[in-house]
């Protein structure tokens, strides 16, 4: 568990269930939900998996500097040694990209699903979200990062256009997958794409 004056991050770490360990650590935003819906620890039996509870999700995952600081300075050092791959969806994806942008190189890989990369032009319907302007400011200055990045997004969701725009900003491809903004779509995109990223990070 990591704390600062404004952020408390609750994490459950699950060691590899199969030997030998790959040495790669998978850190998941909304980790308990991913575990329930996808069985992350079963999908990646050779990886140490850190399941982060969302807490005050809308506030913390919305490009919040205090959250990024707590994640990088308090949570990551408590993980086993080895390259870390971050997994997140929607605001959880945005928060991982924001953390890697503020603290370059802390993640070896990012698997970002249906990220909430709002722009004023593409997402006026989100303008009532309390942290809309903070997200806009971060998205405007987003640039390529040191981590290997994979973006996925459902073909049937509102975030598709802003994910295409973010893929262009980062200089990475966007994997457009069947479905919408839902855990079932995110679950179905893990294999083979997240497996491939984990292998690439392990082999680097």
Protein backbone atom coordinates (compact mmCIF):
# COMPACT_ATOMS: atom_id res chain seq x y z
CA UNK A 1 0.00 0.00 0.00
CA UNK A 2 1.30 3.48 -0.90
CA UNK A 3 0.16 6.73 0.68
CA UNK A 4 0.75 10.43 0.39
CA UNK A 5 -1.36 13.31 1.64
CA UNK A 6 -3.84 12.94 -1.20
CA UNK A 7 -3.49 9.41 -2.61
CA UNK A 8 -3.71 5.93 -1.14
CA UNK A 9 -2.96 3.10 -3.56
CA UNK A 10 -3.98 -0.37 -2.47
CA UNK A 11 -2.12 -3.15 -4.26
CA UNK A 12 -2.24 -6.94 -4.08
CA UNK A 13 0.86 -8.64 -5.44
CA UNK A 14 0.59 -12.19 -6.77
CA UNK A 15 3.87 -14.05 -7.32
CA UNK A 16 4.30 -16.33 -10.35
CA UNK A 17 2.41 -19.59 -10.02
CA UNK A 18 4.64 -21.44 -12.48
CA UNK A 19 8.40 -21.79 -12.58
CA UNK A 20 10.58 -20.45 -13.95
CA UNK A 21 9.53 -16.83 -13.59
CA UNK A 22 9.85 -14.64 -16.67
CA UNK A 23 11.13 -11.79 -14.50
CA UNK A 24 8.51 -9.44 -15.97
CA UNK A 25 6.09 -7.68 -13.60
CA UNK A 26 2.56 -6.94 -14.83
CA UNK A 27 0.96 -3.99 -13.03
CA UNK A 28 -2.77 -3.52 -13.64
CA UNK A 29 -4.92 -0.49 -12.95
CA UNK A 30 -8.41 -1.62 -11.93
CA UNK A 31 -6.56 -4.82 -11.08
CA UNK A 32 -9.29 -6.57 -9.06
CA UNK A 33 -11.78 -6.08 -11.92
CA UNK A 34 -9.29 -7.33 -14.50
CA UNK A 35 -8.60 -10.34 -12.29
CA UNK A 36 -12.31 -11.15 -11.89
CA UNK A 37 -13.15 -10.71 -15.58
CA UNK A 38 -9.96 -11.95 -17.21
CA UNK A 39 -8.09 -14.09 -14.70
CA UNK A 40 -4.84 -12.18 -15.21
CA UNK A 41 -2.82 -14.34 -12.85
CA UNK A 42 -3.92 -17.45 -14.75
CA UNK A 43 -3.21 -15.87 -18.14
CA UNK A 44 0.31 -14.92 -17.08
CA UNK A 45 1.43 -17.66 -14.70
CA UNK A 46 5.13 -16.87 -15.18
CA UNK A 47 4.79 -13.18 -14.29
CA UNK A 48 4.52 -11.39 -10.97
CA UNK A 49 1.14 -9.60 -11.15
CA UNK A 50 0.34 -6.45 -9.14
CA UNK A 51 -3.39 -5.71 -8.92
CA UNK A 52 -4.03 -2.04 -8.06
CA UNK A 53 -7.43 -1.11 -6.68
CA UNK A 54 -8.91 2.02 -8.32
CA UNK A 55 -9.65 3.97 -5.15
CA UNK A 56 -11.03 7.42 -6.06
CA UNK A 57 -10.81 6.44 -9.69
CA UNK A 58 -12.08 9.52 -11.51
CA UNK A 59 -9.85 11.85 -9.50
CA UNK A 60 -6.72 9.73 -9.38
CA UNK A 61 -6.68 8.28 -12.91
CA UNK A 62 -7.37 11.62 -14.64
CA UNK A 63 -3.77 12.77 -15.29
CA UNK A 64 -3.33 13.58 -11.60
CA UNK A 65 0.30 14.50 -10.73
CA UNK A 66 -0.13 13.35 -7.11
CA UNK A 67 -1.27 9.92 -8.26
CA UNK A 68 1.59 9.59 -10.76
CA UNK A 69 4.08 10.49 -8.02
CA UNK A 70 2.65 7.94 -5.58
CA UNK A 71 2.58 5.24 -8.25
CA UNK A 72 6.18 5.77 -9.33
CA UNK A 73 7.83 6.63 -6.01
CA UNK A 74 5.87 4.38 -3.65
CA UNK A 75 4.35 1.46 -5.57
CA UNK A 76 6.98 0.59 -8.18
CA UNK A 77 9.87 0.33 -5.70
CA UNK A 78 7.89 -2.25 -3.70
CA UNK A 79 7.63 -4.59 -6.69
CA UNK A 80 10.14 -7.37 -7.39
CA UNK A 81 13.10 -6.40 -9.58
CA UNK A 82 12.50 -6.68 -13.30
CA UNK A 83 10.87 -4.80 -16.16
CA UNK A 84 7.34 -3.56 -15.45
CA UNK A 85 4.51 -3.62 -17.98
CA UNK A 86 1.53 -1.41 -17.11
CA UNK A 87 -1.99 -2.50 -18.08
CA UNK A 88 -4.96 -0.15 -17.97
CA UNK A 89 -8.24 0.68 -19.66
CA UNK A 90 -10.13 3.95 -20.15
CA UNK A 91 -8.94 6.40 -17.46
CA UNK A 92 -6.63 3.66 -16.17
CA UNK A 93 -4.80 3.73 -19.50
CA UNK A 94 -4.58 7.52 -19.42
CA UNK A 95 -3.07 7.43 -15.91
CA UNK A 96 -0.34 5.00 -16.94
CA UNK A 97 0.64 7.10 -19.94
CA UNK A 98 0.64 10.21 -17.76
CA UNK A 99 2.92 8.53 -15.19
CA UNK A 100 5.39 7.36 -17.85
CA UNK A 101 5.37 10.84 -19.40
CA UNK A 102 6.18 12.52 -16.07
CA UNK A 103 8.73 9.87 -15.05
CA UNK A 104 10.26 8.55 -18.28
CA UNK A 105 11.53 5.01 -18.37
CA UNK A 106 9.86 3.77 -15.20
CA UNK A 107 7.83 1.31 -17.29
CA UNK A 108 9.31 -1.06 -19.84
CA UNK A 109 5.97 -1.45 -21.57
CA UNK A 110 2.44 -0.03 -21.55
CA UNK A 111 -0.65 -1.89 -22.74
CA UNK A 112 -3.30 0.81 -22.99
CA UNK A 113 -6.88 -0.15 -23.80
CA UNK A 114 -9.53 2.35 -24.91
CA UNK A 115 -7.68 5.23 -23.27
CA UNK A 116 -9.68 8.32 -22.33
CA UNK A 117 -7.51 10.71 -24.34
CA UNK A 118 -10.08 13.49 -24.48
CA UNK A 119 -9.73 16.47 -26.78
CA UNK A 120 -12.01 19.47 -27.01
CA UNK A 121 -12.67 18.78 -30.69
CA UNK A 122 -13.40 15.04 -30.46
CA UNK A 123 -15.00 14.75 -27.03
CA UNK A 124 -17.26 17.75 -26.26
CA UNK A 125 -19.74 15.33 -24.69
CA UNK A 126 -17.21 14.79 -21.86
CA UNK A 127 -16.92 18.48 -20.98
CA UNK A 128 -18.95 18.01 -17.80
CA UNK A 129 -16.42 15.57 -16.37
CA UNK A 130 -14.80 17.31 -13.36
CA UNK A 131 -11.24 16.72 -14.56
CA UNK A 132 -11.86 17.34 -18.25
CA UNK A 133 -9.54 20.36 -18.51
CA UNK A 134 -6.70 18.54 -16.77
CA UNK A 135 -6.98 15.70 -19.25
CA UNK A 136 -7.11 18.13 -22.18
CA UNK A 137 -3.90 19.80 -21.01
CA UNK A 138 -2.05 16.49 -20.75
CA UNK A 139 -3.30 15.13 -24.07
CA UNK A 140 -2.24 18.33 -25.88
CA UNK A 141 1.37 17.86 -24.79
CA UNK A 142 1.56 14.06 -25.14
CA UNK A 143 4.62 12.90 -27.07
CA UNK A 144 6.41 9.57 -27.63
CA UNK A 145 7.61 7.88 -24.43
CA UNK A 146 10.49 5.55 -23.62
CA UNK A 147 8.29 2.54 -22.85
CA UNK A 148 7.12 0.15 -25.55
CA UNK A 149 3.48 1.10 -26.09
CA UNK A 150 0.57 -0.91 -27.46
CA UNK A 151 -2.82 0.79 -27.90
CA UNK A 152 -6.07 -1.11 -28.40
CA UNK A 153 -9.57 0.27 -28.86
CA UNK A 154 -12.94 -1.16 -29.79
CA UNK A 155 -14.29 -0.30 -33.20
CA UNK A 156 -17.72 0.51 -31.74
CA UNK A 157 -16.78 3.02 -29.03
CA UNK A 158 -16.66 6.78 -28.70
CA UNK A 159 -12.98 6.73 -27.79
CA UNK A 160 -11.91 5.31 -31.15
CA UNK A 161 -11.18 8.69 -32.73
CA UNK A 162 -9.20 10.04 -29.78
CA UNK A 163 -7.25 6.77 -29.63
CA UNK A 164 -6.37 7.14 -33.30
CA UNK A 165 -5.19 10.67 -32.57
CA UNK A 166 -3.10 9.52 -29.58
CA UNK A 167 -1.53 6.72 -31.61
CA UNK A 168 -0.37 9.39 -34.06
CA UNK A 169 1.03 11.55 -31.25
CA UNK A 170 2.95 8.63 -29.79
CA UNK A 171 4.07 7.25 -33.13
CA UNK A 172 2.67 3.77 -32.43
CA UNK A 173 0.02 1.67 -34.18
CA UNK A 174 -3.51 1.35 -32.83
CA UNK A 175 -4.98 -2.14 -32.74
CA UNK A 176 -8.68 -1.72 -33.51
CA UNK A 177 -10.53 -4.69 -32.08
CA UNK A 178 -14.14 -5.87 -32.11
CA UNK A 179 -16.51 -4.51 -29.48
CA UNK A 180 -17.07 -1.44 -27.37
CA UNK A 181 -15.95 0.23 -24.15
CA UNK A 182 -16.34 -2.82 -21.94
CA UNK A 183 -14.28 -5.33 -19.97
CA UNK A 184 -15.31 -8.12 -22.32
CA UNK A 185 -13.66 -6.29 -25.23
CA UNK A 186 -10.55 -5.55 -23.18
CA UNK A 187 -10.36 -9.17 -22.05
CA UNK A 188 -10.55 -10.46 -25.60
CA UNK A 189 -7.71 -8.18 -26.74
CA UNK A 190 -5.21 -9.49 -24.18
CA UNK A 191 -4.43 -12.59 -26.22
CA UNK A 192 -2.29 -12.38 -28.30
CA UNK A 193 -1.40 -8.70 -28.01
CA UNK A 194 -0.45 -8.39 -24.32
CA UNK A 195 1.32 -11.75 -24.44
CA UNK A 196 3.40 -10.46 -27.34
CA UNK A 197 4.32 -7.26 -25.50
CA UNK A 198 5.33 -9.24 -22.42
CA UNK A 199 7.62 -11.44 -24.55
CA UNK A 200 9.16 -8.40 -26.26
CA UNK A 201 9.89 -6.75 -22.93
CA UNK A 202 11.34 -9.95 -21.55
CA UNK A 203 13.61 -10.39 -24.59
CA UNK A 204 14.80 -6.76 -24.71
